[in-house]
Protein backbone atom coordinates (compact mmCIF):
# COMPACT_ATOMS: atom_id res chain seq x y z
CA UNK A 1 10.73 4.25 -10.32
CA UNK A 2 12.06 8.35 -10.36
CA UNK A 3 13.39 10.85 -7.61
CA UNK A 4 11.74 14.04 -7.75
CA UNK A 5 11.51 15.49 -4.39
CA UNK A 6 12.24 14.52 -0.65
CA UNK A 7 12.72 15.82 2.82
CA UNK A 8 13.59 14.43 6.08
CA UNK A 9 12.38 16.21 9.69
CA UNK A 10 13.82 14.58 13.52
CA UNK A 11 11.90 16.37 16.29
CA UNK A 12 12.41 16.14 19.51
CA UNK A 13 9.68 14.71 21.44
CA UNK A 14 8.35 17.66 23.31
CA UNK A 15 8.99 20.36 20.47
CA UNK A 16 5.85 21.85 18.70
CA UNK A 17 5.34 20.59 15.09
CA UNK A 18 4.31 23.77 13.69
CA UNK A 19 7.88 25.38 13.98
CA UNK A 20 9.31 23.17 11.74
CA UNK A 21 6.24 24.03 8.85
CA UNK A 22 7.54 26.05 6.08
CA UNK A 23 6.81 30.01 5.65
CA UNK A 24 4.58 29.03 2.92
CA UNK A 25 1.88 27.23 4.68
CA UNK A 26 2.10 28.14 8.60
CA UNK A 27 -0.65 29.78 8.23
CA UNK A 28 -2.98 27.18 7.08
CA UNK A 29 -1.88 24.28 8.69
CA UNK A 30 -1.07 25.08 12.43
CA UNK A 31 -4.35 24.46 13.30
CA UNK A 32 -4.92 21.27 12.08
CA UNK A 33 -2.23 20.40 13.16
CA UNK A 34 -3.14 21.12 16.80
CA UNK A 35 -6.06 19.30 15.97
CA UNK A 36 -3.68 15.76 14.83
CA UNK A 37 -1.99 13.13 16.66
CA UNK A 38 2.39 12.78 16.38
CA UNK A 39 2.30 10.54 14.07
CA UNK A 40 0.19 12.18 10.89
CA UNK A 41 1.72 16.06 12.27
CA UNK A 42 4.94 14.40 11.82
CA UNK A 43 4.13 12.95 8.17
CA UNK A 44 1.97 16.36 7.35
CA UNK A 45 4.69 18.57 8.13
CA UNK A 46 7.30 15.81 6.48
CA UNK A 47 5.34 16.06 3.91
CA UNK A 48 5.20 20.53 3.27
CA UNK A 49 8.62 21.08 3.51
CA UNK A 50 8.76 18.85 0.43
CA UNK A 51 6.68 20.90 -1.54
CA UNK A 52 7.30 24.10 -0.32
CA UNK A 53 11.57 23.13 -1.60
CA UNK A 54 10.15 22.84 -5.23
CA UNK A 55 6.44 23.97 -5.52
CA UNK A 56 6.57 22.27 -9.07
CA UNK A 57 6.16 18.63 -7.83
CA UNK A 58 2.52 18.49 -8.05
CA UNK A 59 2.43 19.61 -11.32
CA UNK A 60 2.56 16.99 -13.49
CA UNK A 61 -0.85 15.12 -11.82
CA UNK A 62 -3.84 15.93 -10.63
CA UNK A 63 -5.06 14.89 -6.91
CA UNK A 64 -7.16 12.06 -8.25
CA UNK A 65 -3.81 10.81 -10.04
CA UNK A 66 -1.64 10.99 -6.32
CA UNK A 67 -0.92 7.60 -4.64
CA UNK A 68 -0.54 8.16 -1.13
CA UNK A 69 1.86 5.37 0.20
CA UNK A 70 3.27 5.64 4.52
CA UNK A 71 5.10 3.08 6.30
CA UNK A 72 5.58 2.70 9.85
CA UNK A 73 7.53 0.06 12.34
CA UNK A 74 5.04 1.30 14.40
CA UNK A 75 2.26 2.72 12.88
CA UNK A 76 -0.16 4.66 15.58
CA UNK A 77 0.86 1.96 18.78
CA UNK A 78 1.65 5.18 20.58
CA UNK A 79 -1.89 6.67 19.88
CA UNK A 80 -3.40 3.81 20.40
CA UNK A 81 -1.48 3.90 24.49
CA UNK A 82 -2.53 7.17 24.67
CA UNK A 83 -6.35 6.62 24.37
CA UNK A 84 -6.29 3.71 26.55
CA UNK A 85 -4.65 5.41 29.60
CA UNK A 86 -7.80 7.96 28.69
CA UNK A 87 -9.92 4.76 28.75
CA UNK A 88 -8.60 3.94 32.23
CA UNK A 89 -9.12 6.60 33.45
CA UNK A 90 -12.84 6.72 33.19
CA UNK A 91 -12.04 9.96 30.58
CA UNK A 92 -12.13 8.43 27.32
CA UNK A 93 -10.51 10.94 24.41
CA UNK A 94 -12.91 11.56 21.08
CA UNK A 95 -9.84 13.43 19.55
CA UNK A 96 -6.95 10.09 20.49
CA UNK A 97 -9.39 7.67 19.00
CA UNK A 98 -10.06 9.71 15.69
CA UNK A 99 -6.43 8.79 15.54
CA UNK A 100 -6.41 4.52 17.05
CA UNK A 101 -6.14 3.47 12.74
CA UNK A 102 -2.38 2.92 11.73
CA UNK A 103 -3.68 4.76 8.49
CA UNK A 104 -4.66 8.47 10.10
CA UNK A 105 -1.90 9.78 8.11
CA UNK A 106 -3.02 9.02 4.63
CA UNK A 107 -6.78 10.45 6.17
CA UNK A 108 -4.93 13.42 7.35
CA UNK A 109 -2.61 13.83 3.70
CA UNK A 110 -5.56 12.85 1.56
CA UNK A 111 -7.21 16.05 3.74
CA UNK A 112 -4.41 18.96 3.55
CA UNK A 113 -3.28 18.25 0.38
CA UNK A 114 -6.28 17.06 -2.04
CA UNK A 115 -4.61 13.79 -2.70
CA UNK A 116 -7.25 11.84 -4.05
CA UNK A 117 -5.93 8.34 -5.25
CA UNK A 118 -5.65 5.39 -4.28
CA UNK A 119 -4.30 4.83 -0.30
CA UNK A 120 -2.31 2.22 1.34
CA UNK A 121 -0.37 1.76 4.35
CA UNK A 122 2.65 -0.38 5.15
CA UNK A 123 3.42 -1.92 9.00
CA UNK A 124 5.84 -4.47 9.06
CA UNK A 125 7.83 -3.42 10.91
CA UNK A 126 11.99 -1.52 10.23
CA UNK A 127 11.58 -3.05 6.94
CA UNK A 128 8.13 -1.04 6.63
CA UNK A 129 10.25 2.21 4.86
CA UNK A 130 11.09 -0.19 1.51
CA UNK A 131 8.31 -2.16 2.16
CA UNK A 132 5.99 0.57 0.81
CA UNK A 133 8.16 2.17 -1.68
CA UNK A 134 8.32 -1.52 -3.44
CA UNK A 135 3.94 -0.74 -3.18
CA UNK A 136 3.82 3.08 -4.60
CA UNK A 137 6.72 0.73 -7.08
CA UNK A 138 3.85 -1.12 -8.44
CA UNK A 139 0.43 1.45 -7.96
CA UNK A 140 3.16 3.56 -10.50
CA UNK A 141 4.22 0.78 -13.00
CA UNK A 142 0.64 -0.91 -13.50
CA UNK A 143 -0.41 2.88 -13.79
CA UNK A 144 -2.95 2.92 -10.81
CA UNK A 145 -1.26 6.40 -10.57
CA UNK A 146 1.06 8.51 -12.39
CA UNK A 147 2.37 10.18 -9.25
CA UNK A 148 2.93 8.46 -5.50
CA UNK A 149 3.69 10.11 -1.53
CA UNK A 150 5.58 8.19 0.11
CA UNK A 151 6.37 8.60 3.49
CA UNK A 152 7.81 7.13 6.16
CA UNK A 153 7.60 7.95 10.07
CA UNK A 154 7.60 6.98 13.35
CA UNK A 155 6.60 8.16 16.41
CA UNK A 156 8.92 8.26 20.04
CA UNK A 157 9.08 5.58 22.42
CA UNK A 158 5.63 3.85 22.11
CA UNK A 159 5.79 0.88 24.30
CA UNK A 160 6.76 -2.24 23.10
CA UNK A 161 8.89 -0.60 20.69
CA UNK A 162 12.27 -2.87 21.20
CA UNK A 163 14.90 0.12 19.76
CA UNK A 164 14.60 3.85 20.83
CA UNK A 165 12.48 6.08 18.53
CA UNK A 166 12.85 9.52 17.25
CA UNK A 167 9.94 11.61 16.28
CA UNK A 168 10.94 11.96 12.54
CA UNK A 169 10.24 11.27 8.55
CA UNK A 170 11.58 10.95 5.78
CA UNK A 171 8.47 12.28 2.50
CA UNK A 172 9.70 11.63 -0.42
CA UNK A 173 8.05 12.76 -4.04
CA UNK A 174 8.00 9.75 -7.01
CA UNK A 175 7.18 9.24 -10.59
CA UNK A 176 7.14 6.29 -13.47
CA UNK A 177 10.40 7.19 -15.29
CA UNK A 178 10.07 8.39 -18.47
CA UNK A 179 12.97 9.60 -19.61
CA UNK A 180 13.32 12.72 -18.32
CA UNK A 181 16.57 13.79 -16.51
CA UNK A 182 15.74 17.33 -15.62
CA UNK A 183 14.14 17.17 -12.99
CA UNK A 184 14.90 13.62 -10.99
CA UNK A 185 17.51 13.28 -7.76
CA UNK A 186 17.60 9.63 -8.43
CA UNK A 187 15.86 6.27 -9.95
CA UNK A 188 15.12 3.90 -8.64
CA UNK A 189 16.01 0.54 -10.12
CA UNK A 190 14.51 -1.80 -7.58
CA UNK A 191 13.41 -2.88 -4.76
CA UNK A 192 13.52 -6.54 -3.25
CA UNK A 193 12.70 -7.45 0.12
CA UNK A 194 13.17 -11.60 1.87
CA UNK A 195 11.97 -14.23 5.22
CA UNK A 196 14.22 -16.26 6.95
CA UNK A 197 13.27 -17.03 10.57
CA UNK A 198 15.26 -15.41 12.27
CA UNK A 199 18.22 -15.50 10.06
CA UNK A 200 18.88 -11.40 8.79
CA UNK A 201 22.11 -12.56 7.40
CA UNK A 202 20.42 -14.88 4.74
CA UNK A 203 17.84 -12.80 3.72
CA UNK A 204 20.23 -9.54 3.83
CA UNK A 205 22.70 -12.17 1.36
CA UNK A 206 18.64 -13.28 -1.09
CA UNK A 207 17.45 -9.60 -1.29
CA UNK A 208 21.28 -8.62 -2.29
CA UNK A 209 21.36 -10.48 -4.78
CA UNK A 210 18.70 -9.97 -6.35
CA UNK A 211 19.55 -6.96 -6.95
CA UNK A 212 20.08 -6.60 -11.16
CA UNK A 213 23.79 -4.64 -10.95
CA UNK A 214 24.07 -4.18 -6.84
CA UNK A 215 26.98 -6.84 -6.75
CA UNK A 216 29.35 -4.60 -6.83
CA UNK A 217 28.14 -1.49 -5.76
CA UNK A 218 28.17 -0.17 -1.85
CA UNK A 219 26.21 -0.22 0.91
CA UNK A 220 24.05 2.34 2.90
CA UNK A 221 23.53 -0.19 6.41
CA UNK A 222 22.29 1.20 10.04
CA UNK A 223 24.35 0.09 12.18
CA UNK A 224 22.10 -3.20 12.94
CA UNK A 225 22.71 -4.50 8.74
CA UNK A 226 26.00 -4.24 8.90
CA UNK A 227 25.77 -6.51 12.67
CA UNK A 228 23.61 -8.68 11.10
CA UNK A 229 25.37 -8.79 7.29
CA UNK A 230 28.58 -7.86 8.23
CA UNK A 231 30.07 -11.80 8.44
CA UNK A 232 28.04 -12.95 5.46
CA UNK A 233 29.11 -10.26 3.55
CA UNK A 234 32.57 -8.95 3.68
CA UNK A 235 33.04 -9.07 -0.11
CA UNK A 236 30.95 -5.97 -0.48
CA UNK A 237 32.10 -1.87 0.34
CA UNK A 238 29.54 -1.97 4.05
CA UNK A 239 28.72 2.35 4.11
CA UNK A 240 27.23 2.80 7.65
CA UNK A 241 25.64 5.68 8.16
CA UNK A 242 23.42 7.55 11.05
CA UNK A 243 19.28 7.15 10.46
CA UNK A 244 16.85 7.03 13.12
CA UNK A 245 15.33 3.96 13.56
CA UNK A 246 12.21 2.14 12.49
CA UNK A 247 11.08 2.96 9.21
CA UNK A 248 12.65 5.83 8.62
CA UNK A 249 15.96 4.13 8.69
CA UNK A 250 15.59 2.61 5.21
CA UNK A 251 14.08 6.06 3.45
CA UNK A 252 16.96 8.19 5.55
CA UNK A 253 20.00 5.85 3.82
CA UNK A 254 18.36 6.19 0.25
CA UNK A 255 18.71 9.88 1.17
CA UNK A 256 22.21 10.03 1.72
CA UNK A 257 23.14 6.91 -0.88
CA UNK A 258 21.37 9.71 -3.69
CA UNK A 259 24.25 11.92 -2.71
CA UNK A 260 26.90 9.46 -4.06
CA UNK A 261 28.25 10.35 -7.82
CA UNK A 262 30.38 7.51 -7.76
CA UNK A 263 28.50 4.06 -9.20
CA UNK A 264 24.72 3.25 -8.45
CA UNK A 265 24.54 2.30 -4.90
CA UNK A 266 22.93 -0.62 -2.55
CA UNK A 267 20.15 0.48 -0.02
CA UNK A 268 19.92 -2.15 2.51
CA UNK A 269 18.12 -2.91 6.49
CA UNK A 270 17.12 -5.52 8.45
CA UNK A 271 14.19 -5.63 10.11
CA UNK A 272 14.33 -5.74 14.18
CA UNK A 273 13.76 -9.17 15.36
CA UNK A 274 16.47 -10.61 12.49
CA UNK A 275 14.44 -13.09 10.31
CA UNK A 276 13.69 -10.06 7.47
CA UNK A 277 15.16 -7.29 4.95
CA UNK A 278 15.26 -5.31 2.37
CA UNK A 279 16.92 -3.43 -0.13
CA UNK A 280 16.92 -0.96 -3.17
CA UNK A 281 19.25 -0.10 -5.55
CA UNK A 282 19.24 3.44 -6.82
CA UNK A 283 21.31 5.65 -9.34
CA UNK A 284 22.45 8.64 -8.49
CA UNK A 285 21.63 11.85 -11.30
CA UNK A 286 25.91 12.35 -12.05
CA UNK A 287 25.83 8.54 -13.01
CA UNK A 288 23.00 8.33 -15.23
CA UNK A 289 24.16 11.23 -17.50
CA UNK A 290 28.01 10.10 -17.14
CA UNK A 291 28.43 12.65 -15.47
């Protein structure tokens, strides 16, 4: 799986998303953003910024050939909460009701960017971003799509979140590895996940041992993953990184690893309950080209 482009975004909860739109799409997207919930808006703006950075990303696939995969630990939970409050107040909001599904961002992305391929939402805790990446890989390798738009997104402060979230999103454009290196940012060699009831360090060890070529690779991980995994993985180089919480963390760490011009790098996260882990192995272009 080849990464052709990416964008990432962190926004204060009170900031209007329209200020983050690139100039080329601001006029077209400003009005739709006003009706969207925050989850959909963050997803659309992140993708707009990615496509503005490299307008050639879509040149290799028509809309019917592009899949969309979304990863989110909490999905539309905050929108559900806001809708339920409006219901309790006797004025249920039709606008909010339209966004009370975790798959809502896929619908908006399909509409705004005319993407009509397969769509899938993954909501399975903090590992959702990397697990969504694995699903994107399946779509590409099985030729269900020629390209895949991958988005991880979280909204700040749903009531039931055990961690402090930020309004954040990461978008990636992925294609199959067909031997062309000129436009790629990196290649994802493999993605694995494991579930061990209440034993995050065991799950982390399993997924890292399953990654071919990862035994000597530095591991990019966030504070929680370092805390859970350091004792069990003392022989590995753990690169502690700052990343937004939730499903965004995995893809955020991936973008950090892309800047590594040395050895192939692993990216790992453990979920908030500590019983599941997911990891991937990524190679930067300089590694691939032998620079």
